[in-house]
């Protein structure tokens, strides 16, 4: 009940149905499977785009409304992104531990498309900065 109260206490301009669906409705419907479903939906979403290079991934990520993304580090088979901004702030207002499985799946599949190697990812929250980091790792073939 706390999440819905947090959502309803947001100013009207900060409420949106996507936030309501992802952080309140879907967890109630899918319980433990929610993150798996959102992760694979993110991968499916990425398949709708061509990603000739990493910069294009970041541009599309922001256009979709996932947040302001920066590529913090590339090391061999690992890509480390950080996302901040209004969309992330809103997620932290609704939940102390928001989930970013959709964005993680999107980034993993986008990297797969861009570099033609399978990739998987995970996210880590930084509540103090109101930021989320994504570690995307390619899988050796």
N, C-alpha and C. Protein backbone atom coordinates (compact mmCIF):
# COMPACT_ATOMS: atom_id res chain seq x y z
N UNK A 1 0.82 -1.20 0.00
CA UNK A 1 0.00 0.00 0.00
C UNK A 1 0.86 1.26 0.00
N UNK A 2 2.04 1.17 0.57
CA UNK A 2 2.93 2.34 0.67
C UNK A 2 3.29 2.89 -0.71
N UNK A 3 3.57 2.01 -1.69
CA UNK A 3 3.95 2.48 -3.02
C UNK A 3 2.84 3.28 -3.68
N UNK A 4 1.61 2.82 -3.56
CA UNK A 4 0.50 3.54 -4.18
C UNK A 4 0.31 4.89 -3.49
N UNK A 5 0.50 4.93 -2.19
CA UNK A 5 0.40 6.22 -1.48
C UNK A 5 1.50 7.16 -1.93
N UNK A 6 2.71 6.65 -2.07
CA UNK A 6 3.81 7.48 -2.57
C UNK A 6 3.50 8.01 -3.96
N UNK A 7 2.95 7.14 -4.81
CA UNK A 7 2.59 7.55 -6.17
C UNK A 7 1.53 8.65 -6.16
N UNK A 8 0.49 8.46 -5.37
CA UNK A 8 -0.60 9.44 -5.31
C UNK A 8 -0.17 10.76 -4.69
N UNK A 9 0.87 10.74 -3.87
CA UNK A 9 1.39 11.97 -3.27
C UNK A 9 2.33 12.74 -4.19
N UNK A 10 2.68 12.15 -5.33
CA UNK A 10 3.51 12.88 -6.30
C UNK A 10 2.70 14.03 -6.88
N UNK A 11 3.35 15.14 -7.23
CA UNK A 11 2.63 16.20 -7.94
C UNK A 11 2.07 15.64 -9.26
N UNK A 12 0.93 16.13 -9.71
CA UNK A 12 0.31 15.59 -10.92
C UNK A 12 1.25 15.51 -12.12
N UNK A 13 2.12 16.48 -12.28
CA UNK A 13 3.02 16.48 -13.44
C UNK A 13 4.08 15.38 -13.37
N UNK A 14 4.25 14.76 -12.20
CA UNK A 14 5.24 13.69 -12.05
C UNK A 14 4.61 12.30 -12.12
N UNK A 15 3.30 12.21 -12.15
CA UNK A 15 2.63 10.92 -12.24
C UNK A 15 2.50 10.53 -13.70
N UNK A 16 2.74 9.27 -13.99
CA UNK A 16 2.42 8.78 -15.33
C UNK A 16 2.04 7.31 -15.24
N UNK A 17 1.28 6.86 -16.21
CA UNK A 17 0.75 5.50 -16.15
C UNK A 17 1.84 4.45 -16.27
N UNK A 18 2.92 4.75 -16.97
CA UNK A 18 4.03 3.80 -17.08
C UNK A 18 4.64 3.51 -15.73
N UNK A 19 4.84 4.55 -14.96
CA UNK A 19 5.38 4.42 -13.61
C UNK A 19 4.42 3.61 -12.74
N UNK A 20 3.15 3.91 -12.84
CA UNK A 20 2.13 3.18 -12.08
C UNK A 20 2.14 1.70 -12.44
N UNK A 21 2.17 1.40 -13.74
CA UNK A 21 2.16 0.01 -14.19
C UNK A 21 3.39 -0.75 -13.72
N UNK A 22 4.56 -0.15 -13.96
CA UNK A 22 5.81 -0.87 -13.70
C UNK A 22 6.09 -1.08 -12.21
N UNK A 23 5.86 -0.06 -11.41
CA UNK A 23 6.26 -0.14 -10.01
C UNK A 23 5.15 -0.55 -9.05
N UNK A 24 3.91 -0.55 -9.50
CA UNK A 24 2.82 -0.88 -8.59
C UNK A 24 1.97 -2.05 -9.11
N UNK A 25 1.46 -1.95 -10.33
CA UNK A 25 0.55 -2.96 -10.84
C UNK A 25 1.27 -4.27 -11.19
N UNK A 26 2.35 -4.20 -11.98
CA UNK A 26 3.04 -5.43 -12.39
C UNK A 26 3.58 -6.26 -11.23
N UNK A 27 4.16 -5.64 -10.20
CA UNK A 27 4.62 -6.46 -9.08
C UNK A 27 3.49 -7.25 -8.42
N UNK A 28 2.30 -6.66 -8.37
CA UNK A 28 1.16 -7.36 -7.78
C UNK A 28 0.70 -8.53 -8.65
N UNK A 29 0.80 -8.37 -9.96
CA UNK A 29 0.34 -9.42 -10.87
C UNK A 29 1.36 -10.55 -10.99
N UNK A 30 2.61 -10.19 -11.21
CA UNK A 30 3.62 -11.20 -11.53
C UNK A 30 4.51 -11.62 -10.37
N UNK A 31 4.41 -10.94 -9.26
CA UNK A 31 5.20 -11.27 -8.07
C UNK A 31 6.67 -11.48 -8.40
N UNK A 32 7.19 -12.67 -8.11
CA UNK A 32 8.62 -12.94 -8.27
C UNK A 32 9.08 -12.95 -9.73
N UNK A 33 8.18 -13.15 -10.67
CA UNK A 33 8.56 -13.22 -12.08
C UNK A 33 8.63 -11.85 -12.76
N UNK A 34 8.25 -10.81 -12.05
CA UNK A 34 8.18 -9.47 -12.65
C UNK A 34 9.49 -9.06 -13.30
N UNK A 35 10.60 -9.22 -12.59
CA UNK A 35 11.88 -8.76 -13.13
C UNK A 35 12.31 -9.56 -14.35
N UNK A 36 12.06 -10.86 -14.35
CA UNK A 36 12.39 -11.68 -15.53
C UNK A 36 11.57 -11.21 -16.73
N UNK A 37 10.30 -10.99 -16.51
CA UNK A 37 9.41 -10.56 -17.60
C UNK A 37 9.85 -9.21 -18.14
N UNK A 38 10.12 -8.26 -17.25
CA UNK A 38 10.54 -6.93 -17.70
C UNK A 38 11.90 -6.97 -18.38
N UNK A 39 12.81 -7.80 -17.89
CA UNK A 39 14.14 -7.93 -18.50
C UNK A 39 14.00 -8.40 -19.95
N UNK A 40 13.20 -9.44 -20.18
CA UNK A 40 13.04 -9.95 -21.54
C UNK A 40 12.19 -9.03 -22.40
N UNK A 41 11.29 -8.29 -21.80
CA UNK A 41 10.56 -7.28 -22.56
C UNK A 41 11.52 -6.18 -23.02
N UNK A 42 12.47 -5.80 -22.15
CA UNK A 42 13.48 -4.82 -22.53
C UNK A 42 14.32 -5.30 -23.70
N UNK A 43 14.68 -6.59 -23.69
CA UNK A 43 15.44 -7.17 -24.80
C UNK A 43 14.60 -7.12 -26.08
N UNK A 44 13.33 -7.48 -25.96
CA UNK A 44 12.45 -7.45 -27.12
C UNK A 44 12.30 -6.03 -27.66
N UNK A 45 12.19 -5.07 -26.78
CA UNK A 45 12.09 -3.67 -27.19
C UNK A 45 13.32 -3.24 -27.98
N UNK A 46 14.50 -3.63 -27.52
CA UNK A 46 15.75 -3.26 -28.21
C UNK A 46 15.82 -3.85 -29.62
N UNK A 47 15.17 -4.98 -29.84
CA UNK A 47 15.19 -5.60 -31.16
C UNK A 47 14.47 -4.77 -32.22
N UNK A 48 13.78 -3.73 -31.82
CA UNK A 48 13.09 -2.85 -32.77
C UNK A 48 14.01 -1.78 -33.36
N UNK A 49 15.26 -1.76 -32.94
CA UNK A 49 16.18 -0.70 -33.36
C UNK A 49 17.45 -1.29 -33.96
N UNK A 50 18.11 -0.47 -34.78
CA UNK A 50 19.45 -0.78 -35.25
C UNK A 50 20.41 0.02 -34.39
N UNK A 51 21.44 -0.62 -33.93
CA UNK A 51 22.43 0.05 -33.09
C UNK A 51 23.81 -0.13 -33.71
N UNK A 52 24.18 0.75 -34.64
CA UNK A 52 25.50 0.61 -35.27
C UNK A 52 26.65 0.92 -34.32
N UNK A 53 26.38 1.67 -33.28
CA UNK A 53 27.43 2.02 -32.32
C UNK A 53 26.82 2.35 -30.96
N UNK A 54 27.67 2.40 -29.94
CA UNK A 54 27.23 2.61 -28.56
C UNK A 54 26.51 3.94 -28.40
N UNK A 55 26.97 4.98 -29.07
CA UNK A 55 26.34 6.30 -28.95
C UNK A 55 24.87 6.26 -29.36
N UNK A 56 24.56 5.44 -30.34
CA UNK A 56 23.17 5.31 -30.79
C UNK A 56 22.32 4.64 -29.71
N UNK A 57 22.90 3.69 -29.00
CA UNK A 57 22.19 3.04 -27.88
C UNK A 57 21.80 4.10 -26.85
N UNK A 58 22.76 4.94 -26.51
CA UNK A 58 22.53 5.96 -25.49
C UNK A 58 21.48 6.97 -25.95
N UNK A 59 21.52 7.35 -27.22
CA UNK A 59 20.55 8.32 -27.74
C UNK A 59 19.13 7.75 -27.69
N UNK A 60 18.96 6.51 -28.13
CA UNK A 60 17.64 5.87 -28.12
C UNK A 60 17.16 5.67 -26.68
N UNK A 61 18.06 5.26 -25.79
CA UNK A 61 17.73 5.06 -24.38
C UNK A 61 17.10 6.33 -23.80
N UNK A 62 17.71 7.47 -24.09
CA UNK A 62 17.19 8.75 -23.59
C UNK A 62 15.89 9.14 -24.28
N UNK A 63 15.79 8.90 -25.60
CA UNK A 63 14.56 9.24 -26.32
C UNK A 63 13.36 8.44 -25.80
N UNK A 64 13.60 7.20 -25.43
CA UNK A 64 12.53 6.37 -24.88
C UNK A 64 12.03 6.94 -23.56
N UNK A 65 12.92 7.63 -22.84
CA UNK A 65 12.54 8.22 -21.57
C UNK A 65 13.07 7.46 -20.36
N UNK A 66 14.07 6.60 -20.58
CA UNK A 66 14.64 5.83 -19.48
C UNK A 66 15.52 6.68 -18.57
N UNK A 67 16.00 7.81 -19.03
CA UNK A 67 16.85 8.68 -18.21
C UNK A 67 18.10 9.11 -18.95
N UNK A 68 18.86 9.97 -18.30
CA UNK A 68 20.11 10.48 -18.87
C UNK A 68 21.20 9.46 -18.61
N UNK A 69 21.77 8.93 -19.68
CA UNK A 69 22.72 7.83 -19.57
C UNK A 69 24.12 8.28 -19.95
N UNK A 70 25.09 7.79 -19.21
CA UNK A 70 26.50 8.01 -19.56
C UNK A 70 27.21 6.66 -19.54
N UNK A 71 28.18 6.52 -20.42
CA UNK A 71 29.02 5.34 -20.44
C UNK A 71 30.21 5.64 -19.55
N UNK A 72 30.26 5.01 -18.40
CA UNK A 72 31.29 5.28 -17.40
C UNK A 72 32.60 4.56 -17.69
N UNK A 73 32.49 3.33 -18.20
CA UNK A 73 33.70 2.53 -18.40
C UNK A 73 33.45 1.42 -19.41
N UNK A 74 34.45 1.15 -20.22
CA UNK A 74 34.45 -0.03 -21.08
C UNK A 74 35.75 -0.75 -20.79
N UNK A 75 35.64 -2.01 -20.41
CA UNK A 75 36.83 -2.79 -20.07
C UNK A 75 36.64 -4.19 -20.62
N UNK A 76 37.38 -4.50 -21.66
CA UNK A 76 37.32 -5.80 -22.31
C UNK A 76 35.88 -6.15 -22.69
N UNK A 77 35.23 -7.00 -21.91
CA UNK A 77 33.88 -7.46 -22.23
C UNK A 77 32.81 -6.82 -21.36
N UNK A 78 33.15 -5.74 -20.66
CA UNK A 78 32.22 -5.12 -19.71
C UNK A 78 31.95 -3.66 -20.08
N UNK A 79 30.68 -3.31 -20.06
CA UNK A 79 30.24 -1.93 -20.28
C UNK A 79 29.53 -1.48 -19.01
N UNK A 80 29.96 -0.35 -18.47
CA UNK A 80 29.35 0.17 -17.25
C UNK A 80 28.68 1.51 -17.57
N UNK A 81 27.37 1.56 -17.42
CA UNK A 81 26.58 2.76 -17.68
C UNK A 81 26.04 3.30 -16.36
N UNK A 82 25.79 4.61 -16.32
CA UNK A 82 25.10 5.20 -15.18
C UNK A 82 23.94 6.04 -15.72
N UNK A 83 22.82 5.96 -15.03
CA UNK A 83 21.63 6.70 -15.44
C UNK A 83 21.13 7.53 -14.27
N UNK A 84 20.85 8.80 -14.55
CA UNK A 84 20.27 9.72 -13.58
C UNK A 84 19.16 10.50 -14.29
N UNK A 85 18.58 11.41 -13.57
CA UNK A 85 17.60 12.30 -14.18
C UNK A 85 16.21 12.13 -13.63
N UNK A 86 15.31 12.87 -14.24
CA UNK A 86 13.93 12.95 -13.77
C UNK A 86 13.25 11.59 -13.67
N UNK A 87 13.43 10.76 -14.69
CA UNK A 87 12.75 9.46 -14.67
C UNK A 87 13.25 8.58 -13.52
N UNK A 88 14.54 8.64 -13.22
CA UNK A 88 15.08 7.86 -12.11
C UNK A 88 14.63 8.47 -10.78
N UNK A 89 14.65 9.80 -10.68
CA UNK A 89 14.16 10.47 -9.46
C UNK A 89 12.74 10.05 -9.13
N UNK A 90 11.88 10.02 -10.14
CA UNK A 90 10.48 9.65 -9.93
C UNK A 90 10.36 8.22 -9.40
N UNK A 91 11.18 7.34 -9.92
CA UNK A 91 11.14 5.94 -9.49
C UNK A 91 11.52 5.81 -8.02
N UNK A 92 12.52 6.61 -7.59
CA UNK A 92 12.92 6.58 -6.18
C UNK A 92 11.86 7.21 -5.28
N UNK A 93 11.05 8.11 -5.80
CA UNK A 93 9.97 8.70 -5.00
C UNK A 93 8.87 7.69 -4.70
N UNK A 94 8.66 6.77 -5.63
CA UNK A 94 7.61 5.77 -5.47
C UNK A 94 8.10 4.58 -4.64
N UNK A 95 9.35 4.20 -4.82
CA UNK A 95 9.88 3.02 -4.14
C UNK A 95 11.30 3.27 -3.65
N UNK A 96 11.61 2.77 -2.47
CA UNK A 96 12.98 2.90 -1.95
C UNK A 96 13.95 2.03 -2.74
N UNK A 97 13.44 0.95 -3.33
CA UNK A 97 14.26 0.04 -4.12
C UNK A 97 13.59 -0.21 -5.47
N UNK A 98 13.59 0.80 -6.34
CA UNK A 98 12.97 0.59 -7.65
C UNK A 98 13.75 -0.44 -8.46
N UNK A 99 13.04 -1.11 -9.32
CA UNK A 99 13.64 -2.13 -10.17
C UNK A 99 13.89 -1.54 -11.56
N UNK A 100 14.99 -1.90 -12.17
CA UNK A 100 15.34 -1.41 -13.49
C UNK A 100 15.63 -2.56 -14.45
N UNK A 101 14.85 -3.62 -14.33
CA UNK A 101 15.04 -4.80 -15.17
C UNK A 101 14.74 -4.50 -16.64
N UNK A 102 13.73 -3.69 -16.91
CA UNK A 102 13.39 -3.33 -18.29
C UNK A 102 14.57 -2.65 -18.97
N UNK A 103 15.14 -1.66 -18.31
CA UNK A 103 16.28 -0.93 -18.85
C UNK A 103 17.50 -1.83 -19.00
N UNK A 104 17.68 -2.74 -18.04
CA UNK A 104 18.82 -3.66 -18.09
C UNK A 104 18.72 -4.57 -19.30
N UNK A 105 17.55 -5.14 -19.52
CA UNK A 105 17.34 -5.99 -20.69
C UNK A 105 17.53 -5.23 -21.99
N UNK A 106 17.02 -4.00 -22.01
CA UNK A 106 17.18 -3.17 -23.20
C UNK A 106 18.66 -2.95 -23.51
N UNK A 107 19.44 -2.55 -22.50
CA UNK A 107 20.87 -2.30 -22.72
C UNK A 107 21.62 -3.57 -23.12
N UNK A 108 21.30 -4.69 -22.48
CA UNK A 108 21.98 -5.94 -22.81
C UNK A 108 21.75 -6.32 -24.27
N UNK A 109 20.51 -6.22 -24.72
CA UNK A 109 20.21 -6.58 -26.11
C UNK A 109 20.76 -5.55 -27.08
N UNK A 110 20.74 -4.29 -26.72
CA UNK A 110 21.30 -3.25 -27.59
C UNK A 110 22.79 -3.46 -27.79
N UNK A 111 23.51 -3.82 -26.73
CA UNK A 111 24.94 -4.13 -26.85
C UNK A 111 25.12 -5.36 -27.74
N UNK A 112 24.28 -6.36 -27.55
CA UNK A 112 24.34 -7.56 -28.39
C UNK A 112 24.21 -7.19 -29.86
N UNK A 113 23.27 -6.33 -30.18
CA UNK A 113 23.05 -5.91 -31.56
C UNK A 113 24.24 -5.10 -32.08
N UNK A 114 24.74 -4.18 -31.27
CA UNK A 114 25.82 -3.28 -31.71
C UNK A 114 27.13 -4.01 -31.96
N UNK A 115 27.47 -4.96 -31.09
CA UNK A 115 28.79 -5.59 -31.23
C UNK A 115 28.72 -7.03 -31.72
N UNK A 116 27.50 -7.50 -31.99
CA UNK A 116 27.30 -8.85 -32.54
C UNK A 116 27.83 -9.96 -31.63
N UNK A 117 27.69 -9.76 -30.32
CA UNK A 117 28.05 -10.78 -29.33
C UNK A 117 26.98 -10.79 -28.25
N UNK A 118 26.58 -11.96 -27.78
CA UNK A 118 25.56 -12.00 -26.73
C UNK A 118 26.02 -11.26 -25.47
N UNK A 119 25.08 -10.62 -24.82
CA UNK A 119 25.39 -9.88 -23.59
C UNK A 119 24.24 -10.03 -22.61
N UNK A 120 24.56 -9.97 -21.35
CA UNK A 120 23.57 -9.97 -20.27
C UNK A 120 23.94 -8.85 -19.32
N UNK A 121 23.00 -8.46 -18.48
CA UNK A 121 23.27 -7.33 -17.60
C UNK A 121 22.62 -7.44 -16.24
N UNK A 122 23.04 -6.52 -15.40
CA UNK A 122 22.45 -6.36 -14.07
C UNK A 122 22.52 -4.89 -13.69
N UNK A 123 21.71 -4.51 -12.72
CA UNK A 123 21.72 -3.11 -12.29
C UNK A 123 22.02 -3.02 -10.81
N UNK A 124 22.49 -1.84 -10.41
CA UNK A 124 22.79 -1.57 -9.01
C UNK A 124 22.31 -0.16 -8.69
N UNK A 125 21.58 -0.03 -7.59
CA UNK A 125 21.03 1.26 -7.19
C UNK A 125 22.02 2.06 -6.35
N UNK A 126 21.97 3.38 -6.52
CA UNK A 126 22.70 4.31 -5.64
C UNK A 126 21.67 5.31 -5.13
N UNK A 127 20.97 4.97 -4.02
CA UNK A 127 19.89 5.83 -3.52
C UNK A 127 20.35 7.23 -3.13
N UNK A 128 21.58 7.37 -2.65
CA UNK A 128 22.06 8.69 -2.25
C UNK A 128 22.17 9.63 -3.45
N UNK A 129 22.66 9.12 -4.56
CA UNK A 129 22.80 9.93 -5.79
C UNK A 129 21.51 9.95 -6.61
N UNK A 130 20.56 9.10 -6.23
CA UNK A 130 19.36 8.89 -7.05
C UNK A 130 19.79 8.49 -8.46
N UNK A 131 20.62 7.45 -8.50
CA UNK A 131 21.18 6.97 -9.76
C UNK A 131 21.12 5.44 -9.78
N UNK A 132 21.26 4.91 -10.98
CA UNK A 132 21.34 3.47 -11.15
C UNK A 132 22.48 3.18 -12.12
N UNK A 133 23.26 2.15 -11.80
CA UNK A 133 24.35 1.72 -12.67
C UNK A 133 23.96 0.40 -13.33
N UNK A 134 24.37 0.25 -14.57
CA UNK A 134 24.11 -0.97 -15.33
C UNK A 134 25.43 -1.58 -15.75
N UNK A 135 25.64 -2.81 -15.37
CA UNK A 135 26.82 -3.55 -15.79
C UNK A 135 26.38 -4.54 -16.86
N UNK A 136 26.86 -4.33 -18.07
CA UNK A 136 26.51 -5.20 -19.18
C UNK A 136 27.77 -5.95 -19.57
N UNK A 137 27.67 -7.27 -19.58
CA UNK A 137 28.84 -8.09 -19.87
C UNK A 137 28.55 -8.98 -21.07
N UNK A 138 29.49 -8.97 -22.03
CA UNK A 138 29.34 -9.84 -23.18
C UNK A 138 29.72 -11.26 -22.77
N UNK A 139 29.14 -12.21 -23.46
CA UNK A 139 29.35 -13.61 -23.15
C UNK A 139 30.31 -14.18 -24.19
N UNK A 140 31.42 -14.78 -23.75
CA UNK A 140 32.36 -15.37 -24.72
C UNK A 140 31.67 -16.44 -25.55
N UNK A 141 32.03 -16.47 -26.83
CA UNK A 141 31.41 -17.45 -27.73
C UNK A 141 32.32 -18.62 -27.96
